[in-house]
Amino acid sequence: EDYRVWVKGEIRDELKYYVRGRKLDFDSFTAPNVAEPDFHIQESLEVDLAFLDWRPHAHWWLRTGRQFVRVGRGVVLSADLDGAQLEHASGPWKSRVFAGRSLRRDPNIDTSIIGFDQGTQRRDFYFGESSHLFESGTRASAYILVQQDDSRALSAAQIARNFNYDTVHYGLGAEGRFHPLLNYFVEAVHQGGEA
């Protein structure tokens, strides 16, 4: 079950806010003698999204707070993060930069780290993305994303080992339409990193 309640408004014409609360309730069934997964972090009542939008000028826009962030088509990053995003749009060009951190409620994909489901798997994200809209309707984009892993284990044996994996992603993409009923999306990504 997924319960959400939200409110939005504006303080001034150029300053708007959005707040959404969330309460999840998971029911799981496992085989006999198999432990059920622990969803207590995801099931707590919490602020799902909460951000301020400030538009000081027609070409500039700043969003700060807990927000949904997607880079490119969302293959590399698509998540709720705490952070700040600055965007500039002028003519066919649109560019943005972002700095933020993962949420305590979201466990890391690496489930081998003891404590992965207890809010110890935090990551910092920084990216810059720019796109250009051509007269044909095609939008081409490029981005760079840096992820710094700040995961820590709750096991003394694992603390001696470094489980952190910092990555850098470079992406190029394009989207458009062949026909009003047929769109296309393409994205190429290179990932590098070090533990």
Protein backbone atom coordinates (compact mmCIF):
# COMPACT_ATOMS: atom_id res chain seq x y z
CA GLU A 1 0.00 0.00 0.00
CA ASP A 2 1.26 3.47 -0.89
CA TYR A 3 -0.20 6.55 0.84
CA ARG A 4 0.87 10.06 -0.22
CA VAL A 5 -0.36 13.52 0.69
CA TRP A 6 1.01 16.70 -0.85
CA VAL A 7 0.71 20.46 -0.81
CA LYS A 8 2.10 23.08 -3.17
CA GLY A 9 1.92 26.84 -3.39
CA GLU A 10 3.82 30.02 -3.99
CA ILE A 11 5.36 32.53 -1.63
CA ARG A 12 5.88 35.02 -4.45
CA ASP A 13 5.58 34.78 -8.23
CA GLU A 14 9.20 33.68 -8.53
CA LEU A 15 9.28 31.45 -5.41
CA LYS A 16 7.20 28.24 -5.23
CA TYR A 17 7.23 25.20 -2.95
CA TYR A 18 6.13 21.57 -3.02
CA VAL A 19 5.94 19.09 -0.09
CA ARG A 20 4.79 15.48 -0.25
CA GLY A 21 4.58 12.95 2.59
CA ARG A 22 4.68 9.20 2.03
CA LYS A 23 3.77 6.06 3.97
CA LEU A 24 4.44 2.65 2.42
CA ASP A 25 3.27 -0.70 3.74
CA PHE A 26 4.81 -3.85 2.23
CA ASP A 27 3.32 -7.32 2.60
CA SER A 28 5.71 -10.14 1.73
CA PHE A 29 5.30 -13.87 1.68
CA THR A 30 8.26 -16.22 1.83
CA ALA A 31 8.76 -19.96 1.80
CA PRO A 32 8.62 -21.79 5.12
CA ASN A 33 11.77 -21.30 7.26
CA VAL A 34 12.88 -18.32 5.10
CA ALA A 35 13.24 -14.98 6.84
CA GLU A 36 11.04 -12.17 5.56
CA PRO A 37 12.83 -9.08 4.22
CA ASP A 38 13.08 -6.13 6.59
CA PHE A 39 11.30 -3.09 5.10
CA HIS A 40 11.26 -0.91 8.25
CA ILE A 41 13.29 1.92 6.68
CA GLN A 42 11.09 2.09 3.58
CA GLU A 43 7.84 1.79 5.57
CA SER A 44 8.37 4.70 7.95
CA LEU A 45 6.24 7.82 7.56
CA GLU A 46 8.48 10.45 6.02
CA VAL A 47 8.87 13.43 3.75
CA ASP A 48 8.95 11.98 0.24
CA LEU A 49 9.70 15.24 -1.61
CA ALA A 50 10.13 18.81 -0.34
CA PHE A 51 11.68 21.54 -2.46
CA LEU A 52 11.71 25.24 -3.23
CA ASP A 53 11.74 26.56 -6.81
CA TRP A 54 13.20 30.00 -7.35
CA ARG A 55 13.09 31.66 -10.77
CA PRO A 56 14.93 34.99 -10.41
CA HIS A 57 15.06 35.51 -14.18
CA ALA A 58 13.28 34.07 -17.23
CA HIS A 59 16.40 32.06 -18.17
CA TRP A 60 17.44 30.84 -14.69
CA TRP A 61 15.83 28.37 -12.32
CA LEU A 62 17.06 26.98 -8.97
CA ARG A 63 15.54 24.03 -7.10
CA THR A 64 16.75 23.11 -3.60
CA GLY A 65 15.61 20.36 -1.28
CA ARG A 66 14.48 16.75 -1.66
CA GLN A 67 13.68 16.22 -5.33
CA PHE A 68 13.38 13.62 -8.06
CA VAL A 69 16.47 13.76 -10.29
CA ARG A 70 17.02 12.12 -13.66
CA VAL A 71 20.10 12.36 -15.89
CA GLY A 72 19.62 11.71 -19.60
CA ARG A 73 16.94 9.05 -20.04
CA GLY A 74 17.42 7.86 -16.44
CA VAL A 75 19.63 4.88 -17.25
CA VAL A 76 22.54 6.14 -15.10
CA LEU A 77 20.61 8.08 -12.45
CA SER A 78 16.93 8.29 -11.66
CA ALA A 79 16.24 8.80 -7.95
CA ASP A 80 15.01 11.03 -5.15
CA LEU A 81 17.98 12.99 -3.76
CA ASP A 82 18.62 15.81 -1.29
CA GLY A 83 20.42 18.59 -3.15
CA ALA A 84 20.36 21.66 -5.35
CA GLN A 85 19.91 22.01 -9.10
CA LEU A 86 20.60 25.12 -11.15
CA GLU A 87 19.25 25.31 -14.72
CA HIS A 88 19.75 27.83 -17.51
CA ALA A 89 17.67 27.85 -20.69
CA SER A 90 18.15 30.19 -23.61
CA GLY A 91 16.89 29.59 -27.14
CA PRO A 92 17.61 26.00 -28.22
CA TRP A 93 20.11 25.43 -25.38
CA LYS A 94 19.32 24.06 -21.92
CA SER A 95 22.02 23.36 -19.31
CA ARG A 96 21.96 22.34 -15.67
CA VAL A 97 24.23 21.36 -12.81
CA PHE A 98 23.34 19.38 -9.69
CA ALA A 99 24.94 18.39 -6.39
CA GLY A 100 23.17 16.10 -3.94
CA ARG A 101 23.12 13.06 -1.69
CA SER A 102 21.15 9.81 -1.62
CA LEU A 103 18.44 9.34 0.99
CA ARG A 104 18.85 7.24 4.11
CA ARG A 105 15.72 5.26 3.23
CA ASP A 106 17.13 3.98 -0.08
CA PRO A 107 19.40 0.94 0.34
CA ASN A 108 22.38 0.55 -1.97
CA ILE A 109 22.27 -2.09 -4.67
CA ASP A 110 25.24 -3.87 -3.03
CA THR A 111 23.49 -6.18 -0.55
CA SER A 112 26.75 -7.90 0.49
CA ILE A 113 27.60 -5.06 2.91
CA ILE A 114 26.29 -5.78 6.40
CA GLY A 115 23.92 -2.93 7.24
CA PHE A 116 23.02 -2.19 3.59
CA ASP A 117 19.33 -2.02 4.61
CA GLN A 118 19.87 0.16 7.70
CA GLY A 119 20.66 3.53 6.13
CA THR A 120 24.46 3.19 6.03
CA GLN A 121 24.77 3.24 2.24
CA ARG A 122 24.96 6.92 1.28
CA ARG A 123 26.25 8.30 -2.02
CA ASP A 124 27.01 11.81 -3.27
CA PHE A 125 26.15 12.80 -6.85
CA TYR A 126 27.43 15.69 -8.98
CA PHE A 127 26.53 16.20 -12.62
CA GLY A 128 26.40 18.66 -15.45
CA GLU A 129 24.14 18.21 -18.48
CA SER A 130 23.58 20.27 -21.61
CA SER A 131 21.17 19.80 -24.51
CA HIS A 132 20.37 21.48 -27.82
CA LEU A 133 17.00 21.41 -29.62
CA PHE A 134 17.37 21.42 -33.41
CA GLU A 135 14.81 22.83 -35.84
CA SER A 136 13.96 19.26 -36.90
CA GLY A 137 12.68 18.61 -33.35
CA THR A 138 15.62 16.40 -32.41
CA ARG A 139 17.18 17.11 -29.03
CA ALA A 140 20.83 16.08 -28.55
CA SER A 141 22.38 16.01 -25.07
CA ALA A 142 25.62 15.29 -23.25
CA TYR A 143 26.39 14.87 -19.56
CA ILE A 144 29.02 13.92 -17.02
CA LEU A 145 28.06 12.43 -13.65
CA VAL A 146 30.37 11.77 -10.70
CA GLN A 147 29.23 9.46 -7.90
CA GLN A 148 31.16 9.20 -4.64
CA ASP A 149 30.29 6.17 -2.53
CA ASP A 150 30.20 6.82 1.22
CA SER A 151 28.97 3.34 2.21
CA ARG A 152 30.04 1.86 5.51
CA ALA A 153 29.56 -1.57 7.01
CA LEU A 154 28.19 -2.48 10.43
CA SER A 155 30.54 -5.45 10.61
CA ALA A 156 34.01 -5.10 12.17
CA ALA A 157 35.37 -7.64 9.68
CA GLN A 158 34.01 -5.68 6.72
CA ILE A 159 35.16 -2.28 8.00
CA ALA A 160 38.76 -3.39 7.35
CA ARG A 161 37.91 -3.74 3.64
CA ASN A 162 36.96 -0.88 1.37
CA PHE A 163 33.59 -1.52 -0.29
CA ASN A 164 33.28 1.99 -1.73
CA TYR A 165 33.12 2.31 -5.51
CA ASP A 166 33.38 5.82 -6.95
CA THR A 167 32.25 6.22 -10.55
CA VAL A 168 32.33 8.69 -13.41
CA HIS A 169 29.76 8.43 -16.21
CA TYR A 170 29.91 10.18 -19.59
CA GLY A 171 26.74 10.14 -21.67
CA LEU A 172 25.59 11.22 -25.13
CA GLY A 173 21.99 10.98 -26.25
CA ALA A 174 19.36 12.07 -28.71
CA GLU A 175 15.59 11.94 -28.94
CA GLY A 176 13.03 12.92 -31.52
CA ARG A 177 10.33 11.47 -33.70
CA PHE A 178 10.17 9.69 -37.02
CA HIS A 179 6.41 10.23 -37.14
CA PRO A 180 3.84 11.82 -34.78
CA LEU A 181 3.13 8.31 -33.46
CA LEU A 182 6.72 7.00 -33.51
CA ASN A 183 9.36 8.52 -31.22
CA TYR A 184 12.96 7.42 -30.78
CA PHE A 185 15.44 7.64 -27.91
CA VAL A 186 19.10 6.69 -28.00
CA GLU A 187 21.78 7.03 -25.32
CA ALA A 188 25.39 5.86 -25.06
CA VAL A 189 27.13 5.79 -21.68
CA HIS A 190 30.72 5.15 -20.63
CA GLN A 191 31.34 4.28 -16.99
CA GLY A 192 34.68 4.29 -15.24
CA GLY A 193 35.51 4.07 -11.58
CA GLU A 194 37.73 2.89 -8.81
CA ALA A 195 37.28 1.14 -5.50
